[in-house]
């Protein structure tokens, strides 16, 4: 019976590792500071949002070598909150990535 217990533990560990979120390249940009700014934003025609959703515009992210455009998408709306999209800010000659986030109104 000890092998059954070990097998169950191994299975549980495998399931947890498979369901744990993996950081995307955009998550890595948190706290990033560059000496090169992003290109101008890409103009995207946003389709009409489905009920209960808002449009989160696209943005430039740094992939470790260059800026890459990430297309806009719909996010579920949060009443009483406003979506502040990811963007870059110039501070003392350096470009700093500000992740998108919900702000309370």
PDB file of N, CA and C in Angstrom:
ATOM      1  N   UNK A   1       0.788  -1.204   0.000  1.00  0.00           N
ATOM      2  CA  UNK A   1       0.000   0.000   0.000  1.00  0.00           C
ATOM      3  C   UNK A   1       0.837   1.280   0.000  1.00  0.00           C
ATOM      4  N   UNK A   2       2.106   1.276   0.486  1.00  0.00           N
ATOM      5  CA  UNK A   2       2.888   2.519   0.452  1.00  0.00           C
ATOM      6  C   UNK A   2       3.059   3.047  -0.973  1.00  0.00           C
ATOM      7  N   UNK A   3       3.109   2.164  -1.957  1.00  0.00           N
ATOM      8  CA  UNK A   3       3.289   2.630  -3.340  1.00  0.00           C
ATOM      9  C   UNK A   3       2.076   3.408  -3.828  1.00  0.00           C
ATOM     10  N   UNK A   4       0.882   3.062  -3.310  1.00  0.00           N
ATOM     11  CA  UNK A   4      -0.323   3.802  -3.699  1.00  0.00           C
ATOM     12  C   UNK A   4      -0.246   5.238  -3.178  1.00  0.00           C
ATOM     13  N   UNK A   5       0.208   5.381  -1.940  1.00  0.00           N
ATOM     14  CA  UNK A   5       0.337   6.717  -1.354  1.00  0.00           C
ATOM     15  C   UNK A   5       1.353   7.549  -2.143  1.00  0.00           C
ATOM     16  N   UNK A   6       2.493   6.936  -2.475  1.00  0.00           N
ATOM     17  CA  UNK A   6       3.513   7.651  -3.253  1.00  0.00           C
ATOM     18  C   UNK A   6       2.983   8.023  -4.632  1.00  0.00           C
ATOM     19  N   UNK A   7       2.206   7.122  -5.219  1.00  0.00           N
ATOM     20  CA  UNK A   7       1.629   7.391  -6.533  1.00  0.00           C
ATOM     21  C   UNK A   7       0.632   8.546  -6.466  1.00  0.00           C
ATOM     22  N   UNK A   8      -0.191   8.587  -5.429  1.00  0.00           N
ATOM     23  CA  UNK A   8      -1.152   9.679  -5.267  1.00  0.00           C
ATOM     24  C   UNK A   8      -0.440  11.016  -5.056  1.00  0.00           C
ATOM     25  N   UNK A   9       0.624  11.021  -4.277  1.00  0.00           N
ATOM     26  CA  UNK A   9       1.394  12.249  -4.038  1.00  0.00           C
ATOM     27  C   UNK A   9       2.029  12.718  -5.341  1.00  0.00           C
ATOM     28  N   UNK A  10       2.623  11.801  -6.087  1.00  0.00           N
ATOM     29  CA  UNK A  10       3.246  12.169  -7.366  1.00  0.00           C
ATOM     30  C   UNK A  10       2.209  12.729  -8.338  1.00  0.00           C
ATOM     31  N   UNK A  11       1.023  12.124  -8.363  1.00  0.00           N
ATOM     32  CA  UNK A  11      -0.045  12.610  -9.235  1.00  0.00           C
ATOM     33  C   UNK A  11      -0.495  14.009  -8.819  1.00  0.00           C
ATOM     34  N   UNK A  12      -0.627  14.235  -7.516  1.00  0.00           N
ATOM     35  CA  UNK A  12      -1.037  15.555  -7.016  1.00  0.00           C
ATOM     36  C   UNK A  12      -0.015  16.615  -7.384  1.00  0.00           C
ATOM     37  N   UNK A  13       1.269  16.298  -7.238  1.00  0.00           N
ATOM     38  CA  UNK A  13       2.332  17.245  -7.590  1.00  0.00           C
ATOM     39  C   UNK A  13       2.288  17.556  -9.082  1.00  0.00           C
ATOM     40  N   UNK A  14       2.091  16.537  -9.899  1.00  0.00           N
ATOM     41  CA  UNK A  14       2.019  16.740 -11.348  1.00  0.00           C
ATOM     42  C   UNK A  14       0.829  17.627 -11.716  1.00  0.00           C
ATOM     43  N   UNK A  15      -0.323  17.403 -11.105  1.00  0.00           N
ATOM     44  CA  UNK A  15      -1.507  18.214 -11.398  1.00  0.00           C
ATOM     45  C   UNK A  15      -1.313  19.668 -10.981  1.00  0.00           C
ATOM     46  N   UNK A  16      -0.692  19.884  -9.827  1.00  0.00           N
ATOM     47  CA  UNK A  16      -0.439  21.255  -9.375  1.00  0.00           C
ATOM     48  C   UNK A  16       0.508  21.958 -10.330  1.00  0.00           C
ATOM     49  N   UNK A  17       1.557  21.257 -10.765  1.00  0.00           N
ATOM     50  CA  UNK A  17       2.510  21.899 -11.681  1.00  0.00           C
ATOM     51  C   UNK A  17       1.876  22.202 -13.033  1.00  0.00           C
ATOM     52  N   UNK A  18       0.909  21.399 -13.464  1.00  0.00           N
ATOM     53  CA  UNK A  18       0.243  21.642 -14.739  1.00  0.00           C
ATOM     54  C   UNK A  18      -0.769  22.777 -14.660  1.00  0.00           C
ATOM     55  N   UNK A  19      -1.338  22.998 -13.474  1.00  0.00           N
ATOM     56  CA  UNK A  19      -2.356  24.034 -13.336  1.00  0.00           C
ATOM     57  C   UNK A  19      -1.798  25.344 -12.810  1.00  0.00           C
ATOM     58  N   UNK A  20      -0.539  25.391 -12.423  1.00  0.00           N
ATOM     59  CA  UNK A  20       0.066  26.625 -11.948  1.00  0.00           C
ATOM     60  C   UNK A  20       0.290  27.558 -13.124  1.00  0.00           C
ATOM     61  N   UNK A  21      -0.160  28.820 -13.026  1.00  0.00           N
ATOM     62  CA  UNK A  21       0.023  29.736 -14.149  1.00  0.00           C
ATOM     63  C   UNK A  21       1.496  29.966 -14.455  1.00  0.00           C
ATOM     64  N   UNK A  22       1.790  30.077 -15.727  1.00  0.00           N
ATOM     65  CA  UNK A  22       3.142  30.354 -16.183  1.00  0.00           C
ATOM     66  C   UNK A  22       3.220  31.828 -16.530  1.00  0.00           C
ATOM     67  N   UNK A  23       4.306  32.489 -16.138  1.00  0.00           N
ATOM     68  CA  UNK A  23       4.463  33.896 -16.454  1.00  0.00           C
ATOM     69  C   UNK A  23       4.607  34.080 -17.953  1.00  0.00           C
ATOM     70  N   UNK A  24       3.881  35.045 -18.487  1.00  0.00           N
ATOM     71  CA  UNK A  24       4.040  35.367 -19.895  1.00  0.00           C
ATOM     72  C   UNK A  24       5.137  36.402 -20.035  1.00  0.00           C
ATOM     73  N   UNK A  25       5.529  36.669 -21.260  1.00  0.00           N
ATOM     74  CA  UNK A  25       6.569  37.668 -21.486  1.00  0.00           C
ATOM     75  C   UNK A  25       6.146  39.027 -20.976  1.00  0.00           C
ATOM     76  N   UNK A  26       4.869  39.321 -20.989  1.00  0.00           N
ATOM     77  CA  UNK A  26       4.423  40.622 -20.508  1.00  0.00           C
ATOM     78  C   UNK A  26       4.592  40.727 -18.999  1.00  0.00           C
ATOM     79  N   UNK A  27       4.479  39.618 -18.281  1.00  0.00           N
ATOM     80  CA  UNK A  27       4.678  39.647 -16.838  1.00  0.00           C
ATOM     81  C   UNK A  27       6.116  39.995 -16.489  1.00  0.00           C
ATOM     82  N   UNK A  28       7.025  39.630 -17.365  1.00  0.00           N
ATOM     83  CA  UNK A  28       8.433  39.884 -17.115  1.00  0.00           C
ATOM     84  C   UNK A  28       8.753  41.366 -17.210  1.00  0.00           C
ATOM     85  N   UNK A  29       7.923  42.139 -17.921  1.00  0.00           N
ATOM     86  CA  UNK A  29       8.161  43.562 -18.113  1.00  0.00           C
ATOM     87  C   UNK A  29       7.973  44.394 -16.849  1.00  0.00           C
ATOM     88  N   UNK A  30       7.401  43.836 -15.793  1.00  0.00           N
ATOM     89  CA  UNK A  30       7.166  44.592 -14.579  1.00  0.00           C
ATOM     90  C   UNK A  30       8.501  45.095 -14.034  1.00  0.00           C
ATOM     91  N   UNK A  31       8.602  46.410 -13.826  1.00  0.00           N
ATOM     92  CA  UNK A  31       9.831  46.998 -13.309  1.00  0.00           C
ATOM     93  C   UNK A  31      10.904  47.185 -14.361  1.00  0.00           C
ATOM     94  N   UNK A  32      10.569  47.002 -15.622  1.00  0.00           N
ATOM     95  CA  UNK A  32      11.533  47.102 -16.708  1.00  0.00           C
ATOM     96  C   UNK A  32      11.815  48.556 -17.034  1.00  0.00           C
ATOM     97  N   UNK A  33      13.089  48.883 -17.246  1.00  0.00           N
ATOM     98  CA  UNK A  33      13.502  50.231 -17.627  1.00  0.00           C
ATOM     99  C   UNK A  33      14.465  50.111 -18.798  1.00  0.00           C
ATOM    100  N   UNK A  34      14.159  50.821 -19.896  1.00  0.00           N
ATOM    101  CA  UNK A  34      14.967  50.749 -21.111  1.00  0.00           C
ATOM    102  C   UNK A  34      15.420  52.135 -21.523  1.00  0.00           C
ATOM    103  N   UNK A  35      16.477  52.175 -22.339  1.00  0.00           N
ATOM    104  CA  UNK A  35      16.898  53.464 -22.875  1.00  0.00           C
ATOM    105  C   UNK A  35      16.311  53.716 -24.255  1.00  0.00           C
ATOM    106  N   UNK A  36      15.474  52.815 -24.738  1.00  0.00           N
ATOM    107  CA  UNK A  36      14.808  52.988 -26.031  1.00  0.00           C
ATOM    108  C   UNK A  36      13.297  52.906 -25.813  1.00  0.00           C
ATOM    109  N   UNK A  37      12.594  53.906 -26.344  1.00  0.00           N
ATOM    110  CA  UNK A  37      11.143  53.948 -26.180  1.00  0.00           C
ATOM    111  C   UNK A  37      10.428  53.065 -27.182  1.00  0.00           C
ATOM    112  N   UNK A  38       9.151  52.824 -26.942  1.00  0.00           N
ATOM    113  CA  UNK A  38       8.375  52.002 -27.867  1.00  0.00           C
ATOM    114  C   UNK A  38       8.030  52.783 -29.127  1.00  0.00           C
ATOM    115  N   UNK A  39       7.713  52.084 -30.212  1.00  0.00           N
ATOM    116  CA  UNK A  39       7.206  52.749 -31.419  1.00  0.00           C
ATOM    117  C   UNK A  39       5.844  53.376 -31.126  1.00  0.00           C
ATOM    118  N   UNK A  40       5.323  54.188 -32.051  1.00  0.00           N
ATOM    119  CA  UNK A  40       3.967  54.735 -31.851  1.00  0.00           C
ATOM    120  C   UNK A  40       2.950  53.598 -31.758  1.00  0.00           C
ATOM    121  N   UNK A  41       1.855  53.820 -31.015  1.00  0.00           N
ATOM    122  CA  UNK A  41       0.831  52.774 -30.904  1.00  0.00           C
ATOM    123  C   UNK A  41       0.270  52.393 -32.269  1.00  0.00           C
ATOM    124  N   UNK A  42      -0.117  51.152 -32.401  1.00  0.00           N
ATOM    125  CA  UNK A  42      -0.763  50.663 -33.612  1.00  0.00           C
ATOM    126  C   UNK A  42      -2.252  51.002 -33.494  1.00  0.00           C
ATOM    127  N   UNK A  43      -2.821  51.542 -34.539  1.00  0.00           N
ATOM    128  CA  UNK A  43      -4.250  51.874 -34.529  1.00  0.00           C
ATOM    129  C   UNK A  43      -5.035  50.598 -34.828  1.00  0.00           C
ATOM    130  N   UNK A  44      -5.885  50.215 -33.879  1.00  0.00           N
ATOM    131  CA  UNK A  44      -6.707  49.012 -34.040  1.00  0.00           C
ATOM    132  C   UNK A  44      -8.177  49.423 -34.055  1.00  0.00           C
ATOM    133  N   UNK A  45      -8.925  48.871 -34.970  1.00  0.00           N
ATOM    134  CA  UNK A  45     -10.371  49.090 -34.983  1.00  0.00           C
ATOM    135  C   UNK A  45     -10.999  48.065 -34.054  1.00  0.00           C
ATOM    136  N   UNK A  46     -11.509  48.544 -32.931  1.00  0.00           N
ATOM    137  CA  UNK A  46     -12.108  47.636 -31.954  1.00  0.00           C
ATOM    138  C   UNK A  46     -13.522  47.276 -32.385  1.00  0.00           C
ATOM    139  N   UNK A  47     -13.830  45.993 -32.442  1.00  0.00           N
ATOM    140  CA  UNK A  47     -15.214  45.599 -32.757  1.00  0.00           C
ATOM    141  C   UNK A  47     -16.122  45.968 -31.583  1.00  0.00           C
ATOM    142  N   UNK A  48     -17.434  46.031 -31.808  1.00  0.00           N
ATOM    143  CA  UNK A  48     -18.343  46.334 -30.699  1.00  0.00           C
ATOM    144  C   UNK A  48     -18.188  45.281 -29.594  1.00  0.00           C
ATOM    145  N   UNK A  49     -18.131  45.726 -28.350  1.00  0.00           N
ATOM    146  CA  UNK A  49     -17.943  44.749 -27.262  1.00  0.00           C
ATOM    147  C   UNK A  49     -19.194  43.926 -26.992  1.00  0.00           C
ATOM    148  N   UNK A  50     -18.999  42.673 -26.635  1.00  0.00           N
ATOM    149  CA  UNK A  50     -20.159  41.883 -26.206  1.00  0.00           C
ATOM    150  C   UNK A  50     -20.653  42.428 -24.859  1.00  0.00           C
ATOM    151  N   UNK A  51     -21.894  42.168 -24.505  1.00  0.00           N
ATOM    152  CA  UNK A  51     -22.422  42.656 -23.224  1.00  0.00           C
ATOM    153  C   UNK A  51     -21.539  42.204 -22.056  1.00  0.00           C
ATOM    154  N   UNK A  52     -21.222  43.168 -21.165  1.00  0.00           N
ATOM    155  CA  UNK A  52     -20.430  42.857 -19.977  1.00  0.00           C
ATOM    156  C   UNK A  52     -18.930  42.892 -20.199  1.00  0.00           C
ATOM    157  N   UNK A  53     -18.489  43.342 -21.381  1.00  0.00           N
ATOM    158  CA  UNK A  53     -17.056  43.388 -21.681  1.00  0.00           C
ATOM    159  C   UNK A  53     -16.651  44.783 -22.144  1.00  0.00           C
ATOM    160  N   UNK A  54     -15.367  45.094 -21.997  1.00  0.00           N
ATOM    161  CA  UNK A  54     -14.809  46.336 -22.515  1.00  0.00           C
ATOM    162  C   UNK A  54     -13.580  45.991 -23.350  1.00  0.00           C
ATOM    163  N   UNK A  55     -13.168  46.931 -24.176  1.00  0.00           N
ATOM    164  CA  UNK A  55     -11.995  46.738 -25.022  1.00  0.00           C
ATOM    165  C   UNK A  55     -10.744  47.170 -24.267  1.00  0.00           C
ATOM    166  N   UNK A  56      -9.767  46.274 -24.169  1.00  0.00           N
ATOM    167  CA  UNK A  56      -8.451  46.596 -23.609  1.00  0.00           C
ATOM    168  C   UNK A  56      -7.535  46.793 -24.809  1.00  0.00           C
ATOM    169  N   UNK A  57      -7.099  48.031 -25.064  1.00  0.00           N
ATOM    170  CA  UNK A  57      -6.314  48.295 -26.266  1.00  0.00           C
ATOM    171  C   UNK A  57      -4.966  47.580 -26.252  1.00  0.00           C
ATOM    172  N   UNK A  58      -4.417  47.405 -27.448  1.00  0.00           N
ATOM    173  CA  UNK A  58      -3.116  46.770 -27.578  1.00  0.00           C
ATOM    174  C   UNK A  58      -2.002  47.666 -27.030  1.00  0.00           C
ATOM    175  N   UNK A  59      -0.813  47.108 -26.897  1.00  0.00           N
ATOM    176  CA  UNK A  59       0.331  47.844 -26.359  1.00  0.00           C
ATOM    177  C   UNK A  59       1.633  47.179 -26.799  1.00  0.00           C
ATOM    178  N   UNK A  60       2.713  47.907 -26.665  1.00  0.00           N
ATOM    179  CA  UNK A  60       4.043  47.375 -26.958  1.00  0.00           C
ATOM    180  C   UNK A  60       4.621  46.740 -25.704  1.00  0.00           C
ATOM    181  N   UNK A  61       5.165  45.536 -25.822  1.00  0.00           N
ATOM    182  CA  UNK A  61       5.900  44.934 -24.708  1.00  0.00           C
ATOM    183  C   UNK A  61       7.298  44.583 -25.188  1.00  0.00           C
ATOM    184  N   UNK A  62       8.197  44.430 -24.261  1.00  0.00           N
ATOM    185  CA  UNK A  62       9.596  44.130 -24.554  1.00  0.00           C
ATOM    186  C   UNK A  62       9.809  42.637 -24.439  1.00  0.00           C
ATOM    187  N   UNK A  63      10.284  41.993 -25.497  1.00  0.00           N
ATOM    188  CA  UNK A  63      10.482  40.534 -25.463  1.00  0.00           C
ATOM    189  C   UNK A  63      11.905  40.151 -25.063  1.00  0.00           C
ATOM    190  N   UNK A  64      12.689  41.124 -24.613  1.00  0.00           N
ATOM    191  CA  UNK A  64      14.074  40.862 -24.237  1.00  0.00           C
ATOM    192  C   UNK A  64      15.050  41.346 -25.286  1.00  0.00           C
ATOM    193  N   UNK A  65      14.528  41.617 -26.498  1.00  0.00           N
ATOM    194  CA  UNK A  65      15.381  42.062 -27.601  1.00  0.00           C
ATOM    195  C   UNK A  65      14.794  43.259 -28.348  1.00  0.00           C
ATOM    196  N   UNK A  66      13.456  43.336 -28.361  1.00  0.00           N
ATOM    197  CA  UNK A  66      12.807  44.391 -29.134  1.00  0.00           C
ATOM    198  C   UNK A  66      11.375  44.571 -28.640  1.00  0.00           C
ATOM    199  N   UNK A  67      10.750  45.675 -29.049  1.00  0.00           N
ATOM    200  CA  UNK A  67       9.341  45.898 -28.743  1.00  0.00           C
ATOM    201  C   UNK A  67       8.493  45.064 -29.701  1.00  0.00           C
ATOM    202  N   UNK A  68       7.469  44.437 -29.167  1.00  0.00           N
ATOM    203  CA  UNK A  68       6.550  43.604 -29.947  1.00  0.00           C
ATOM    204  C   UNK A  68       5.127  44.047 -29.609  1.00  0.00           C
ATOM    205  N   UNK A  69       4.298  44.214 -30.635  1.00  0.00           N
ATOM    206  CA  UNK A  69       2.925  44.655 -30.421  1.00  0.00           C
ATOM    207  C   UNK A  69       2.060  43.512 -29.934  1.00  0.00           C
ATOM    208  N   UNK A  70       1.334  43.751 -28.865  1.00  0.00           N
ATOM    209  CA  UNK A  70       0.361  42.784 -28.351  1.00  0.00           C
ATOM    210  C   UNK A  70      -1.018  43.354 -28.660  1.00  0.00           C
ATOM    211  N   UNK A  71      -1.806  42.626 -29.439  1.00  0.00           N
ATOM    212  CA  UNK A  71      -3.110  43.106 -29.899  1.00  0.00           C
ATOM    213  C   UNK A  71      -4.087  43.320 -28.738  1.00  0.00           C
ATOM    214  N   UNK A  72      -5.021  44.250 -28.974  1.00  0.00           N
ATOM    215  CA  UNK A  72      -6.070  44.494 -27.999  1.00  0.00           C
ATOM    216  C   UNK A  72      -7.010  43.303 -27.894  1.00  0.00           C
ATOM    217  N   UNK A  73      -7.779  43.281 -26.817  1.00  0.00           N
ATOM    218  CA  UNK A  73      -8.714  42.176 -26.594  1.00  0.00           C
ATOM    219  C   UNK A  73      -9.816  42.636 -25.632  1.00  0.00           C
ATOM    220  N   UNK A  74     -10.849  41.853 -25.518  1.00  0.00           N
ATOM    221  CA  UNK A  74     -11.929  42.169 -24.591  1.00  0.00           C
ATOM    222  C   UNK A  74     -11.635  41.599 -23.216  1.00  0.00           C
ATOM    223  N   UNK A  75     -12.006  42.366 -22.184  1.00  0.00           N
ATOM    224  CA  UNK A  75     -11.909  41.896 -20.799  1.00  0.00           C
ATOM    225  C   UNK A  75     -13.272  42.106 -20.146  1.00  0.00           C
ATOM    226  N   UNK A  76     -13.575  41.240 -19.202  1.00  0.00           N
ATOM    227  CA  UNK A  76     -14.860  41.358 -18.507  1.00  0.00           C
ATOM    228  C   UNK A  76     -14.862  42.654 -17.710  1.00  0.00           C
ATOM    229  N   UNK A  77     -15.951  43.401 -17.854  1.00  0.00           N
ATOM    230  CA  UNK A  77     -16.038  44.688 -17.179  1.00  0.00           C
ATOM    231  C   UNK A  77     -16.233  44.496 -15.676  1.00  0.00           C
ATOM    232  N   UNK A  78     -15.746  45.480 -14.907  1.00  0.00           N
ATOM    233  CA  UNK A  78     -15.876  45.464 -13.450  1.00  0.00           C
ATOM    234  C   UNK A  78     -16.558  46.755 -13.024  1.00  0.00           C
ATOM    235  N   UNK A  79     -17.835  46.694 -12.696  1.00  0.00           N
ATOM    236  CA  UNK A  79     -18.547  47.907 -12.289  1.00  0.00           C
ATOM    237  C   UNK A  79     -17.824  48.607 -11.126  1.00  0.00           C
ATOM    238  N   UNK A  80     -17.703  49.931 -11.235  1.00  0.00           N
ATOM    239  CA  UNK A  80     -17.023  50.703 -10.199  1.00  0.00           C
ATOM    240  C   UNK A  80     -15.519  50.771 -10.391  1.00  0.00           C
ATOM    241  N   UNK A  81     -15.026  50.158 -11.479  1.00  0.00           N
ATOM    242  CA  UNK A  81     -13.591  50.151 -11.763  1.00  0.00           C
ATOM    243  C   UNK A  81     -13.370  50.596 -13.207  1.00  0.00           C
ATOM    244  N   UNK A  82     -12.183  51.104 -13.491  1.00  0.00           N
ATOM    245  CA  UNK A  82     -11.822  51.488 -14.848  1.00  0.00           C
ATOM    246  C   UNK A  82     -10.502  50.793 -15.203  1.00  0.00           C
ATOM    247  N   UNK A  83     -10.413  50.301 -16.439  1.00  0.00           N
ATOM    248  CA  UNK A  83      -9.206  49.617 -16.910  1.00  0.00           C
ATOM    249  C   UNK A  83      -8.180  50.644 -17.363  1.00  0.00           C
ATOM    250  N   UNK A  84      -7.009  50.607 -16.776  1.00  0.00           N
ATOM    251  CA  UNK A  84      -5.899  51.451 -17.206  1.00  0.00           C
ATOM    252  C   UNK A  84      -4.929  50.541 -17.955  1.00  0.00           C
ATOM    253  N   UNK A  85      -4.840  50.700 -19.277  1.00  0.00           N
ATOM    254  CA  UNK A  85      -4.056  49.773 -20.092  1.00  0.00           C
ATOM    255  C   UNK A  85      -2.552  49.876 -19.842  1.00  0.00           C
ATOM    256  N   UNK A  86      -1.818  48.818 -20.178  1.00  0.00           N
ATOM    257  CA  UNK A  86      -0.359  48.859 -20.069  1.00  0.00           C
ATOM    258  C   UNK A  86       0.185  49.971 -20.966  1.00  0.00           C
ATOM    259  N   UNK A  87       1.242  50.612 -20.525  1.00  0.00           N
ATOM    260  CA  UNK A  87       1.847  51.677 -21.322  1.00  0.00           C
ATOM    261  C   UNK A  87       3.281  51.939 -20.846  1.00  0.00           C
ATOM    262  N   UNK A  88       3.974  52.724 -21.609  1.00  0.00           N
ATOM    263  CA  UNK A  88       5.358  53.103 -21.289  1.00  0.00           C
ATOM    264  C   UNK A  88       5.390  54.570 -20.900  1.00  0.00           C
ATOM    265  N   UNK A  89       6.233  54.904 -19.902  1.00  0.00           N
ATOM    266  CA  UNK A  89       6.395  56.273 -19.438  1.00  0.00           C
ATOM    267  C   UNK A  89       7.886  56.600 -19.452  1.00  0.00           C
ATOM    268  N   UNK A  90       8.211  57.797 -19.946  1.00  0.00           N
ATOM    269  CA  UNK A  90       9.616  58.215 -19.931  1.00  0.00           C
ATOM    270  C   UNK A  90       9.911  58.904 -18.600  1.00  0.00           C
ATOM    271  N   UNK A  91      10.937  58.427 -17.921  1.00  0.00           N
ATOM    272  CA  UNK A  91      11.365  58.989 -16.637  1.00  0.00           C
ATOM    273  C   UNK A  91      12.876  59.174 -16.646  1.00  0.00           C
ATOM    274  N   UNK A  92      13.286  60.423 -16.609  1.00  0.00           N
ATOM    275  CA  UNK A  92      14.716  60.763 -16.579  1.00  0.00           C
ATOM    276  C   UNK A  92      15.499  60.079 -17.694  1.00  0.00           C
ATOM    277  N   UNK A  93      14.954  60.128 -18.908  1.00  0.00           N
ATOM    278  CA  UNK A  93      15.651  59.575 -20.069  1.00  0.00           C
ATOM    279  C   UNK A  93      15.546  58.067 -20.225  1.00  0.00           C
ATOM    280  N   UNK A  94      14.815  57.404 -19.345  1.00  0.00           N
ATOM    281  CA  UNK A  94      14.615  55.948 -19.430  1.00  0.00           C
ATOM    282  C   UNK A  94      13.136  55.682 -19.646  1.00  0.00           C
ATOM    283  N   UNK A  95      12.818  54.583 -20.302  1.00  0.00           N
ATOM    284  CA  UNK A  95      11.442  54.186 -20.549  1.00  0.00           C
ATOM    285  C   UNK A  95      11.068  53.077 -19.581  1.00  0.00           C
ATOM    286  N   UNK A  96       9.978  53.284 -18.837  1.00  0.00           N
ATOM    287  CA  UNK A  96       9.527  52.349 -17.808  1.00  0.00           C
ATOM    288  C   UNK A  96       8.164  51.786 -18.214  1.00  0.00           C
ATOM    289  N   UNK A  97       8.031  50.472 -18.133  1.00  0.00           N
ATOM    290  CA  UNK A  97       6.766  49.809 -18.464  1.00  0.00           C
ATOM    291  C   UNK A  97       5.841  49.849 -17.260  1.00  0.00           C
ATOM    292  N   UNK A  98       4.594  50.284 -17.492  1.00  0.00           N
ATOM    293  CA  UNK A  98       3.569  50.310 -16.451  1.00  0.00           C
ATOM    294  C   UNK A  98       2.522  49.264 -16.833  1.00  0.00           C
ATOM    295  N   UNK A  99       2.406  48.177 -16.067  1.00  0.00           N
ATOM    296  CA  UNK A  99       1.435  47.131 -16.403  1.00  0.00           C
ATOM    297  C   UNK A  99       0.002  47.636 -16.350  1.00  0.00           C
ATOM    298  N   UNK A 100      -0.874  47.024 -17.129  1.00  0.00           N
ATOM    299  CA  UNK A 100      -2.295  47.354 -17.078  1.00  0.00           C
ATOM    300  C   UNK A 100      -2.877  46.914 -15.742  1.00  0.00           C
ATOM    301  N   UNK A 101      -3.889  47.664 -15.295  1.00  0.00           N
ATOM    302  CA  UNK A 101      -4.502  47.332 -14.014  1.00  0.00           C
ATOM    303  C   UNK A 101      -5.875  47.991 -13.898  1.00  0.00           C
ATOM    304  N   UNK A 102      -6.662  47.475 -12.976  1.00  0.00           N
ATOM    305  CA  UNK A 102      -7.973  48.045 -12.679  1.00  0.00           C
ATOM    306  C   UNK A 102      -7.798  49.087 -11.596  1.00  0.00           C
ATOM    307  N   UNK A 103      -8.427  50.260 -11.771  1.00  0.00           N
ATOM    308  CA  UNK A 103      -8.391  51.328 -10.774  1.00  0.00           C
ATOM    309  C   UNK A 103      -9.816  51.611 -10.316  1.00  0.00           C
ATOM    310  N   UNK A 104      -9.968  51.776  -9.025  1.00  0.00           N
ATOM    311  CA  UNK A 104     -11.301  52.057  -8.463  1.00  0.00           C
ATOM    312  C   UNK A 104     -11.700  53.485  -8.820  1.00  0.00           C
ATOM    313  N   UNK A 105     -12.958  53.641  -9.244  1.00  0.00           N
ATOM    314  CA  UNK A 105     -13.436  54.975  -9.644  1.00  0.00           C
ATOM    315  C   UNK A 105     -13.889  55.738  -8.422  1.00  0.00           C
TER     316      UNK A 105
END
